[in-house]
Protein backbone atom coordinates (compact mmCIF):
# COMPACT_ATOMS: atom_id res chain seq x y z
CA UNK A 1 27.50 16.00 -11.73
CA UNK A 2 26.28 16.32 -15.38
CA UNK A 3 22.51 16.91 -15.99
CA UNK A 4 22.21 13.67 -17.19
CA UNK A 5 23.53 11.89 -14.18
CA UNK A 6 21.02 14.56 -12.08
CA UNK A 7 18.27 13.77 -13.70
CA UNK A 8 18.81 10.05 -13.58
CA UNK A 9 19.08 10.49 -9.88
CA UNK A 10 16.32 12.57 -9.66
CA UNK A 11 14.12 10.03 -11.26
CA UNK A 12 15.48 7.44 -8.95
CA UNK A 13 14.20 9.69 -6.01
CA UNK A 14 10.75 10.22 -7.47
CA UNK A 15 10.56 6.04 -7.70
CA UNK A 16 11.62 6.19 -4.08
CA UNK A 17 9.03 8.52 -2.80
CA UNK A 18 5.86 6.68 -5.14
CA UNK A 19 7.19 3.46 -3.23
CA UNK A 20 7.39 4.95 0.07
CA UNK A 21 10.60 4.36 0.40
CA UNK A 22 11.81 7.32 1.35
CA UNK A 23 9.45 10.47 3.01
CA UNK A 24 8.65 13.31 1.38
CA UNK A 25 11.18 15.49 3.15
CA UNK A 26 13.64 12.79 2.41
CA UNK A 27 13.52 13.44 -1.15
CA UNK A 28 13.35 17.02 -0.79
CA UNK A 29 16.57 16.83 1.13
CA UNK A 30 18.58 14.35 -1.45
CA UNK A 31 17.49 16.24 -4.62
CA UNK A 32 18.79 19.59 -2.76
CA UNK A 33 22.13 17.36 -2.42
CA UNK A 34 22.17 16.54 -6.08
CA UNK A 35 21.61 20.33 -6.87
CA UNK A 36 17.91 19.60 -8.27
CA UNK A 37 16.06 20.88 -5.54
CA UNK A 38 14.31 23.17 -7.80
CA UNK A 39 13.22 20.56 -10.06
CA UNK A 40 11.75 18.37 -7.16
CA UNK A 41 9.65 21.23 -6.26
CA UNK A 42 8.10 22.02 -9.76
CA UNK A 43 7.71 17.96 -10.15
CA UNK A 44 5.29 17.51 -6.59
CA UNK A 45 3.91 20.71 -7.66
CA UNK A 46 3.05 19.93 -10.77
CA UNK A 47 -1.08 20.88 -11.54
CA UNK A 48 -3.37 17.62 -12.77
CA UNK A 49 -5.85 19.28 -15.03
CA UNK A 50 -8.13 16.08 -14.88
CA UNK A 51 -8.54 16.72 -11.24
CA UNK A 52 -11.82 18.10 -10.17
CA UNK A 53 -12.24 21.95 -8.02
CA UNK A 54 -14.33 22.35 -5.39
CA UNK A 55 -15.11 24.17 -2.14
CA UNK A 56 -14.15 23.29 1.21
CA UNK A 57 -15.88 22.02 4.19
CA UNK A 58 -17.74 24.20 6.82
CA UNK A 59 -16.51 24.88 10.05
CA UNK A 60 -17.83 22.71 12.25
CA UNK A 61 -20.10 23.95 15.17
CA UNK A 62 -19.41 27.02 13.69
CA UNK A 63 -15.82 27.58 14.69
CA UNK A 64 -13.51 28.91 12.20
CA UNK A 65 -10.79 26.92 13.43
CA UNK A 66 -12.23 23.90 13.25
CA UNK A 67 -11.58 23.07 9.35
CA UNK A 68 -10.04 20.12 7.77
CA UNK A 69 -6.74 20.17 6.02
CA UNK A 70 -6.84 18.69 2.61
CA UNK A 71 -7.65 21.07 -0.16
CA UNK A 72 -9.34 19.68 -3.49
CA UNK A 73 -7.71 22.04 -5.00
CA UNK A 74 -4.32 20.88 -4.69
CA UNK A 75 -3.70 18.39 -7.65
CA UNK A 76 -0.14 17.44 -7.21
CA UNK A 77 -0.56 15.01 -4.62
CA UNK A 78 0.48 11.17 -6.15
CA UNK A 79 -0.88 8.40 -4.64
CA UNK A 80 1.12 6.33 -1.82
CA UNK A 81 1.85 2.82 -2.81
CA UNK A 82 2.97 1.03 0.03
CA UNK A 83 3.53 -2.93 0.51
CA UNK A 84 5.22 -3.79 3.74
CA UNK A 85 8.25 -6.46 4.00
CA UNK A 86 7.94 -8.64 6.56
CA UNK A 87 10.39 -6.91 8.81
CA UNK A 88 8.63 -3.73 8.82
CA UNK A 89 5.11 -4.81 10.40
CA UNK A 90 3.83 -3.19 13.70
CA UNK A 91 2.38 -5.42 16.05
CA UNK A 92 1.55 -2.60 18.38
CA UNK A 93 -0.55 0.42 18.20
CA UNK A 94 2.07 3.18 19.51
CA UNK A 95 5.97 2.59 19.99
CA UNK A 96 7.00 2.78 16.44
CA UNK A 97 8.92 4.84 14.28
CA UNK A 98 6.88 6.13 10.85
CA UNK A 99 7.43 4.38 7.74
CA UNK A 100 6.40 7.05 5.68
CA UNK A 101 4.43 10.72 5.69
CA UNK A 102 1.23 11.45 4.00
CA UNK A 103 -0.46 14.43 3.24
CA UNK A 104 -3.64 15.16 4.03
CA UNK A 105 -5.75 14.85 0.73
CA UNK A 106 -3.60 12.38 -0.60
CA UNK A 107 -4.60 9.05 -1.98
CA UNK A 108 -2.84 5.96 -0.28
CA UNK A 109 -3.08 2.29 -1.46
CA UNK A 110 -1.83 -0.19 1.30
CA UNK A 111 -1.14 -4.24 1.26
CA UNK A 112 -1.91 -6.03 4.67
CA UNK A 113 -1.63 -9.29 5.91
CA UNK A 114 -4.07 -11.48 7.34
CA UNK A 115 -4.41 -11.91 11.48
CA UNK A 116 -2.13 -14.96 11.44
CA UNK A 117 1.09 -13.48 9.26
CA UNK A 118 0.03 -15.65 6.75
CA UNK A 119 1.37 -18.78 8.53
CA UNK A 120 -2.49 -20.71 8.30
CA UNK A 121 -2.78 -21.99 4.72
CA UNK A 122 -3.73 -25.58 5.59
CA UNK A 123 -6.15 -27.29 7.86
CA UNK A 124 -3.12 -29.11 9.21
CA UNK A 125 -1.86 -25.49 10.56
CA UNK A 126 -3.58 -25.61 13.52
CA UNK A 127 -3.07 -22.09 15.81
CA UNK A 128 -1.13 -23.62 18.68
CA UNK A 129 1.86 -24.72 16.27
CA UNK A 130 1.61 -22.28 13.89
CA UNK A 131 1.22 -19.25 15.62
CA UNK A 132 3.46 -16.81 17.95
CA UNK A 133 2.35 -14.87 20.59
CA UNK A 134 2.67 -11.26 20.40
CA UNK A 135 3.11 -11.80 17.05
CA UNK A 136 -0.56 -11.54 15.73
CA UNK A 137 -2.43 -8.87 13.52
CA UNK A 138 0.07 -7.36 12.10
CA UNK A 139 -0.43 -3.83 10.62
CA UNK A 140 0.73 -1.73 7.81
CA UNK A 141 1.86 1.39 9.33
CA UNK A 142 2.25 3.22 11.07
CA UNK A 143 1.94 6.54 8.81
CA UNK A 144 2.93 10.10 9.60
CA UNK A 145 -0.13 12.04 8.50
CA UNK A 146 1.36 15.98 7.86
CA UNK A 147 -0.29 18.63 10.19
CA UNK A 148 -1.76 16.40 13.01
CA UNK A 149 -0.65 17.35 16.26
CA UNK A 150 -2.25 16.25 19.78
CA UNK A 151 -5.69 17.70 19.55
CA UNK A 152 -6.82 17.22 16.29
CA UNK A 153 -8.96 14.43 14.62
CA UNK A 154 -7.75 11.88 11.84
CA UNK A 155 -10.04 11.04 8.97
CA UNK A 156 -9.58 7.99 7.21
CA UNK A 157 -12.51 7.64 3.95
CA UNK A 158 -12.00 4.04 2.55
CA UNK A 159 -12.28 4.15 -0.88
CA UNK A 160 -11.81 0.40 -1.91
CA UNK A 161 -11.21 -2.46 0.03
CA UNK A 162 -10.55 -5.93 -1.76
CA UNK A 163 -8.85 -9.44 -1.28
CA UNK A 164 -5.55 -9.51 -2.18
CA UNK A 165 -5.44 -13.09 -2.23
CA UNK A 166 -7.62 -15.76 -3.57
CA UNK A 167 -8.40 -17.82 -0.30
CA UNK A 168 -8.69 -17.03 3.32
CA UNK A 169 -8.49 -18.89 6.91
CA UNK A 170 -10.21 -18.87 9.80
CA UNK A 171 -9.79 -20.86 13.05
CA UNK A 172 -11.09 -22.15 16.77
CA UNK A 173 -8.57 -21.28 18.97
CA UNK A 174 -8.53 -22.99 22.40
CA UNK A 175 -9.69 -20.76 25.27
CA UNK A 176 -10.46 -17.72 22.55
CA UNK A 177 -14.17 -17.23 21.57
CA UNK A 178 -17.56 -15.98 22.11
CA UNK A 179 -18.96 -19.42 23.39
CA UNK A 180 -16.29 -21.05 25.05
CA UNK A 181 -14.23 -20.50 28.34
CA UNK A 182 -11.66 -17.88 27.97
CA UNK A 183 -8.44 -16.55 30.32
CA UNK A 184 -11.17 -14.24 31.29
CA UNK A 185 -13.96 -16.22 32.05
CA UNK A 186 -12.20 -19.29 33.81
CA UNK A 187 -14.23 -22.72 33.45
CA UNK A 188 -13.49 -26.13 34.60
CA UNK A 189 -14.51 -27.37 31.04
CA UNK A 190 -11.88 -28.27 28.87
CA UNK A 191 -11.14 -26.19 26.16
CA UNK A 192 -13.25 -26.19 22.88
CA UNK A 193 -11.10 -28.38 20.14
CA UNK A 194 -8.63 -26.15 17.76
CA UNK A 195 -10.12 -26.59 13.82
CA UNK A 196 -9.02 -25.18 10.98
CA UNK A 197 -11.04 -24.25 7.79
CA UNK A 198 -9.94 -22.73 4.68
CA UNK A 199 -11.97 -20.46 2.25
CA UNK A 200 -11.87 -20.60 -1.70
CA UNK A 201 -12.51 -16.93 -2.95
CA UNK A 202 -14.41 -16.63 -5.98
CA UNK A 203 -14.17 -13.26 -7.63
CA UNK A 204 -16.43 -13.72 -10.31
CA UNK A 205 -19.20 -14.17 -7.72
CA UNK A 206 -17.53 -12.44 -4.73
CA UNK A 207 -18.18 -15.13 -2.59
CA UNK A 208 -15.91 -17.15 -0.20
CA UNK A 209 -17.28 -21.15 -0.04
CA UNK A 210 -17.86 -22.47 3.48
CA UNK A 211 -16.83 -26.44 3.36
CA UNK A 212 -17.94 -28.02 6.66
CA UNK A 213 -15.34 -30.51 8.30
CA UNK A 214 -17.48 -32.69 9.76
CA UNK A 215 -19.95 -33.65 6.92
CA UNK A 216 -20.50 -33.30 2.99
CA UNK A 217 -22.20 -29.64 3.57
CA UNK A 218 -21.12 -26.58 1.77
CA UNK A 219 -22.26 -23.34 0.89
CA UNK A 220 -21.25 -19.57 -0.49
CA UNK A 221 -20.65 -16.83 1.39
CA UNK A 222 -21.27 -12.89 0.05
CA UNK A 223 -17.41 -11.37 0.33
CA UNK A 224 -18.08 -8.10 2.28
CA UNK A 225 -14.56 -7.05 2.97
CA UNK A 226 -13.37 -5.10 6.11
CA UNK A 227 -10.55 -4.16 8.24
CA UNK A 228 -10.70 -5.76 11.88
CA UNK A 229 -8.11 -3.10 12.82
CA UNK A 230 -7.29 0.47 12.36
CA UNK A 231 -5.85 2.96 14.92
CA UNK A 232 -3.56 5.37 16.00
CA UNK A 233 -0.60 6.04 18.57
CA UNK A 234 -2.35 5.95 22.14
CA UNK A 235 -2.35 8.58 24.60
CA UNK A 236 0.32 8.62 27.41
CA UNK A 237 2.68 7.44 25.53
CA UNK A 238 1.09 3.69 25.79
CA UNK A 239 2.06 0.79 23.38
CA UNK A 240 -0.74 -1.23 22.73
CA UNK A 241 -0.83 -4.72 21.22
CA UNK A 242 -2.76 -4.83 18.14
CA UNK A 243 -5.20 -7.31 19.78
CA UNK A 244 -6.86 -4.49 21.67
CA UNK A 245 -9.53 -1.91 20.80
CA UNK A 246 -9.64 1.18 22.70
CA UNK A 247 -10.18 4.80 22.48
CA UNK A 248 -7.69 5.03 19.88
CA UNK A 249 -9.55 2.42 17.35
CA UNK A 250 -6.87 -0.78 17.34
CA UNK A 251 -8.69 -4.00 16.67
CA UNK A 252 -12.34 -3.07 16.80
CA UNK A 253 -13.85 -5.96 14.42
CA UNK A 254 -16.75 -3.95 12.89
CA UNK A 255 -17.94 -4.63 9.82
CA UNK A 256 -18.27 -1.08 9.37
CA UNK A 257 -14.73 -0.32 8.87
CA UNK A 258 -15.24 -0.91 5.16
CA UNK A 259 -15.08 0.84 1.23
CA UNK A 260 -17.58 4.09 1.97
CA UNK A 261 -16.92 4.59 5.23
CA UNK A 262 -14.69 7.51 7.11
CA UNK A 263 -13.70 7.01 10.40
CA UNK A 264 -12.28 9.61 12.36
CA UNK A 265 -9.84 9.27 15.52
CA UNK A 266 -8.13 11.82 18.10
CA UNK A 267 -4.80 12.68 17.60
CA UNK A 268 -2.52 11.91 20.56
CA UNK A 269 1.05 12.08 19.44
CA UNK A 270 2.49 14.44 16.43
CA UNK A 271 1.97 12.72 13.40
CA UNK A 272 -1.01 10.46 14.61
CA UNK A 273 0.82 7.60 13.50
CA UNK A 274 -2.03 5.66 11.93
CA UNK A 275 -2.08 1.68 10.89
CA UNK A 276 -4.13 -0.84 9.70
CA UNK A 277 -4.22 -4.58 8.91
CA UNK A 278 -6.80 -7.85 10.44
CA UNK A 279 -8.36 -8.04 6.69
CA UNK A 280 -11.75 -9.79 6.98
CA UNK A 281 -13.06 -11.45 3.77
CA UNK A 282 -16.69 -12.45 6.08
CA UNK A 283 -17.36 -11.85 9.56
CA UNK A 284 -20.69 -12.03 11.70
CA UNK A 285 -21.37 -9.18 13.84
CA UNK A 286 -20.02 -9.86 17.36
CA UNK A 287 -17.00 -12.21 15.39
CA UNK A 288 -18.60 -14.98 17.87
CA UNK A 289 -15.73 -17.61 17.38
CA UNK A 290 -13.49 -14.83 17.77
CA UNK A 291 -11.67 -15.50 14.16
CA UNK A 292 -13.60 -13.86 10.96
CA UNK A 293 -12.69 -15.27 7.53
CA UNK A 294 -9.00 -13.92 7.89
CA UNK A 295 -7.36 -12.83 4.64
CA UNK A 296 -4.98 -10.28 3.05
CA UNK A 297 -6.07 -6.83 2.24
CA UNK A 298 -5.45 -4.23 -0.64
CA UNK A 299 -7.21 -0.89 0.72
CA UNK A 300 -7.32 2.32 -0.72
CA UNK A 301 -7.90 5.41 1.40
CA UNK A 302 -7.41 9.15 1.70
CA UNK A 303 -6.91 10.89 4.83
CA UNK A 304 -7.26 14.01 6.27
CA UNK A 305 -6.72 16.25 9.57
CA UNK A 306 -9.17 18.58 11.45
CA UNK A 307 -8.04 20.87 13.26
CA UNK A 308 -8.81 22.25 16.73
CA UNK A 309 -11.50 19.06 17.16
CA UNK A 310 -10.53 15.78 19.17
CA UNK A 311 -12.81 12.96 19.44
CA UNK A 312 -12.20 11.00 22.20
CA UNK A 313 -13.88 7.23 20.83
CA UNK A 314 -13.82 6.67 17.43
CA UNK A 315 -16.32 7.67 15.04
CA UNK A 316 -17.57 6.84 11.95
CA UNK A 317 -20.07 7.95 9.02
CA UNK A 318 -20.94 6.49 6.27
CA UNK A 319 -23.80 7.85 3.76
CA UNK A 320 -26.50 6.39 5.75
CA UNK A 321 -25.52 6.56 9.31
CA UNK A 322 -22.97 8.46 11.94
CA UNK A 323 -21.93 6.00 14.54
CA UNK A 324 -19.40 6.11 17.78
CA UNK A 325 -17.66 2.64 18.54
CA UNK A 326 -17.11 2.11 22.31
CA UNK A 327 -14.78 -0.55 23.55
CA UNK A 328 -14.06 -2.09 27.29
CA UNK A 329 -15.66 -5.10 29.61
CA UNK A 330 -18.46 -6.04 30.46
CA UNK A 331 -20.04 -5.59 27.10
CA UNK A 332 -22.28 -2.98 28.71
CA UNK A 333 -20.06 -0.47 29.41
CA UNK A 334 -19.04 -0.61 25.97
CA UNK A 335 -22.52 0.35 25.39
CA UNK A 336 -22.72 3.30 27.50
CA UNK A 337 -19.64 4.58 26.17
CA UNK A 338 -20.56 4.46 22.52
CA UNK A 339 -24.20 5.68 23.11
CA UNK A 340 -23.25 8.43 25.79
CA UNK A 341 -20.61 9.52 23.27
CA UNK A 342 -23.38 9.71 20.24
CA UNK A 343 -25.74 11.81 22.21
CA UNK A 344 -22.46 14.28 23.50
CA UNK A 345 -22.24 14.50 19.64
CA UNK A 346 -25.44 15.22 18.62
CA UNK A 347 -25.78 17.77 21.87
CA UNK A 348 -22.44 19.27 20.77
CA UNK A 349 -22.72 19.96 17.25
CA UNK A 350 -26.20 20.47 16.59
CA UNK A 351 -27.48 22.53 19.20
CA UNK A 352 -29.74 20.11 21.57
CA UNK A 353 -29.87 20.02 24.55
CA UNK A 354 -28.30 16.89 26.31
CA UNK A 355 -31.76 15.27 27.34
CA UNK A 356 -33.39 16.28 23.90
CA UNK A 357 -30.53 14.62 22.08
CA UNK A 358 -30.88 11.18 24.77
CA UNK A 359 -34.55 11.03 23.57
CA UNK A 360 -33.98 11.19 20.25
CA UNK A 361 -30.65 8.60 20.24
CA UNK A 362 -32.84 6.24 22.44
CA UNK A 363 -36.15 6.22 19.22
CA UNK A 364 -33.94 6.02 15.98
CA UNK A 365 -30.43 4.76 16.65
CA UNK A 366 -29.22 1.07 16.05
CA UNK A 367 -26.78 -1.35 17.84
CA UNK A 368 -24.10 -3.10 15.95
CA UNK A 369 -21.94 -5.26 18.10
CA UNK A 370 -18.97 -5.35 16.85
CA UNK A 371 -17.15 -8.21 19.01
CA UNK A 372 -17.49 -9.96 21.94
CA UNK A 373 -14.05 -11.75 21.64
CA UNK A 374 -11.31 -9.18 22.34
CA UNK A 375 -9.61 -8.00 25.26
CA UNK A 376 -12.51 -5.61 25.12
CA UNK A 377 -15.89 -5.74 23.46
CA UNK A 378 -16.94 -3.50 20.80
CA UNK A 379 -20.33 -1.76 20.02
CA UNK A 380 -21.65 0.58 17.41
CA UNK A 381 -23.87 2.97 18.14
CA UNK A 382 -25.18 4.33 15.15
CA UNK A 383 -27.65 7.14 14.25
CA UNK A 384 -29.62 7.04 11.17
CA UNK A 385 -28.61 10.59 9.24
CA UNK A 386 -31.80 11.63 7.58
CA UNK A 387 -32.79 12.99 10.97
CA UNK A 388 -29.64 15.12 10.99
CA UNK A 389 -30.68 19.27 9.68
CA UNK A 390 -29.25 19.18 6.06
CA UNK A 391 -27.71 22.30 6.52
CA UNK A 392 -24.97 21.19 9.02
CA UNK A 393 -23.26 17.81 7.94
CA UNK A 394 -21.43 15.93 10.08
CA UNK A 395 -17.94 16.87 11.28
CA UNK A 396 -18.13 19.85 9.19
CA UNK A 397 -18.77 17.85 5.72
CA UNK A 398 -15.21 16.09 5.75
CA UNK A 399 -17.21 12.60 4.69
CA UNK A 400 -18.33 14.25 1.54
CA UNK A 401 -14.87 16.16 0.99
CA UNK A 402 -13.16 12.65 0.98
CA UNK A 403 -15.86 11.21 -1.03
CA UNK A 404 -15.45 14.07 -3.78
CA UNK A 405 -11.35 13.54 -3.74
CA UNK A 406 -11.93 10.06 -3.67
CA UNK A 407 -14.30 10.28 -7.07
CA UNK A 408 -11.57 12.69 -8.61
CA UNK A 409 -8.70 10.04 -8.14
CA UNK A 410 -10.18 8.12 -11.10
CA UNK A 411 -8.15 4.50 -11.54
CA UNK A 412 -5.97 5.32 -8.64
CA UNK A 413 -8.99 5.00 -6.03
CA UNK A 414 -9.29 1.29 -7.11
CA UNK A 415 -7.65 -1.63 -4.80
CA UNK A 416 -4.52 -2.33 -6.24
CA UNK A 417 -2.86 -6.01 -7.12
CA UNK A 418 0.17 -5.67 -5.26
CA UNK A 419 1.19 -9.41 -6.63
CA UNK A 420 1.63 -12.85 -5.00
């Protein structure tokens, strides 16, 4: 192959890698096939002089084996940008082959569809006619995270989460919601009627407009973008529907899954296989009617792997709180999971006895109710970080480390306009 042809083919491979059409391993293998392996490796390891260098995080709990893999000094990782084709959505957690490979510390720019797969676009699109079970909550992913093995923890820091459309939809769905008879809570009462509310997004004011269906009332609601679903492949080779929240994360519908938050999920299979979706432009705590202001989302995040550390239930961290999500029925057991795990976290990582941690949590923690409508309910136990020893950051300082990587990413850390 002539040098000019080889160069053109290598540029094509670079483009495929950046657009997530091939994995890093496939990129290197195909570059070797055309005799461009040396140039491919050089391109992958090309330094970025604008990137900052900072120290590694502290060992978690004093254990030198429990370190994260993201290296702030590795400046060659180009962002992965991915918008799935309609046939690439995942409808479950587990049971799907990865769409692309991600390195710890790599910026990831993703587009996700709304919970209705974009099928509700007007008040005439009633759920019973427009939606097809089980094809709800389409997930963007899964993604294979390099270096992650069962027994590790995946950390995902959300840098920017922004509406990807200028409209969104909400509905009532028969036998679904917090204030109606459901398939779990069966009553002789007839189901509430199904209705559709369309919301127009005003980007300049960062609001969506609620317009009543049965009167002239309307009001602007602040846009607070969040992701209803983020999760990894479950334990024991399980495959779980994308509507389910559980120990693997999933459809937790927590307003805390937003820009500035890091979520920690225990790794159950090689590569973790994480995915996300179910963007909400606004949502009450509890998601009372079962449906938020549902819209497509542009999400930019950075991932990390914490070795030799496994979190049993999702942990979250922002600049103010550490949090644990518990998901199960009944609601009080979801509460118990969240707070038991929070007490154990404090006891294990901060040298408190279980009873002392229990007492402290009982006096200063807060309770967030994420959803009371899904197959499992989700409760969030929130502990203010100001009561933690400053010399021992939560999870070894991974949240702060990923915040630094995000800050050094410049424009790559902003949500991407993927177009229509």
